[in-house]
Amino acid sequence: MRNIAKEVGELILSQRKARNLSQEALAAKSKIDRSYMGRIERGEVNVTLKALWDIAASMGISVKLLIPD
C-alpha cells in the first residue's frame, strides 16, 4: 500500500534542498512550526491542503510539484 504522506514529505524535502533552504527557514516562511515541518517531511502526518499550499508558495513553486504521480 502506498504511503502518500511519506511521498509528499520526500517531495517537500527534495524541493527544499534544491533551493538551499533549511527546514527552519522554510517553516518560518510558511508560518508552520518547525517540528511540524519535520513531521511533514518524514511522512509522519497527513499535511493539510492549506499547509501544502503555504509550503509551495514559500518556495515559489506550484503545489503540483509536491503531489506524487
Protein backbone atom coordinates (compact mmCIF):
# COMPACT_ATOMS: atom_id res chain seq x y z
CA MET A 1 0.00 0.00 0.00
CA ARG A 2 1.26 3.49 -0.89
CA ASN A 3 2.26 5.89 1.84
CA ILE A 4 1.19 9.20 0.30
CA ALA A 5 2.22 11.23 3.37
CA LYS A 6 5.77 9.88 3.06
CA GLU A 7 5.88 10.56 -0.69
CA VAL A 8 4.68 14.15 -0.19
CA GLY A 9 7.22 14.63 2.58
CA GLU A 10 10.03 13.41 0.36
CA LEU A 11 8.96 15.79 -2.42
CA ILE A 12 8.90 18.73 0.01
CA LEU A 13 12.33 17.77 1.33
CA SER A 14 13.85 17.47 -2.15
CA GLN A 15 12.36 20.80 -3.29
CA ARG A 16 13.56 22.49 -0.09
CA LYS A 17 17.10 21.16 -0.51
CA ALA A 18 17.14 22.14 -4.20
CA ARG A 19 16.53 25.71 -3.04
CA ASN A 20 19.17 25.55 -0.28
CA LEU A 21 16.59 26.26 2.41
CA SER A 22 16.92 24.96 5.92
CA GLN A 23 13.92 23.25 7.43
CA GLU A 24 13.73 26.08 9.94
CA ALA A 25 13.76 28.75 7.21
CA LEU A 26 11.04 27.03 5.19
CA ALA A 27 8.91 26.56 8.29
CA ALA A 28 9.24 30.23 9.17
CA LYS A 29 8.42 31.39 5.62
CA SER A 30 5.42 29.04 5.58
CA LYS A 31 4.30 30.08 9.07
CA ILE A 32 4.43 26.44 10.17
CA ASP A 33 6.01 25.20 13.39
CA ARG A 34 9.46 23.74 12.67
CA SER A 35 8.71 20.49 14.47
CA TYR A 36 5.52 20.08 12.43
CA MET A 37 7.55 20.70 9.25
CA GLY A 38 9.89 17.91 10.29
CA ARG A 39 6.97 15.56 10.83
CA ILE A 40 5.60 16.50 7.40
CA GLU A 41 8.94 15.80 5.69
CA ARG A 42 9.25 12.45 7.46
CA GLY A 43 5.73 11.49 6.40
CA GLU A 44 4.52 11.15 9.97
CA VAL A 45 1.44 13.34 9.43
CA ASN A 46 -1.03 13.99 6.65
CA VAL A 47 -0.31 17.56 5.65
CA THR A 48 -3.34 19.80 5.22
CA LEU A 49 -4.08 21.38 1.86
CA LYS A 50 -3.55 24.83 3.39
CA ALA A 51 -0.13 23.88 4.75
CA LEU A 52 0.84 22.29 1.42
CA TRP A 53 -0.25 25.45 -0.39
CA ASP A 54 1.71 27.65 2.05
CA ILE A 55 4.83 25.48 1.70
CA ALA A 56 4.69 25.61 -2.10
CA ALA A 57 4.09 29.38 -2.10
CA SER A 58 7.02 29.89 0.28
CA MET A 59 9.32 28.12 -2.17
CA GLY A 60 7.81 29.91 -5.18
CA ILE A 61 6.68 26.67 -6.82
CA SER A 62 3.43 25.12 -7.93
CA VAL A 63 1.72 22.86 -5.41
CA LYS A 64 1.66 20.29 -8.25
CA LEU A 65 5.38 19.71 -7.67
CA LEU A 66 4.60 18.47 -4.17
CA ILE A 67 1.95 15.93 -5.18
CA PRO A 68 3.19 12.49 -6.20
CA ASP A 69 2.14 10.88 -9.50
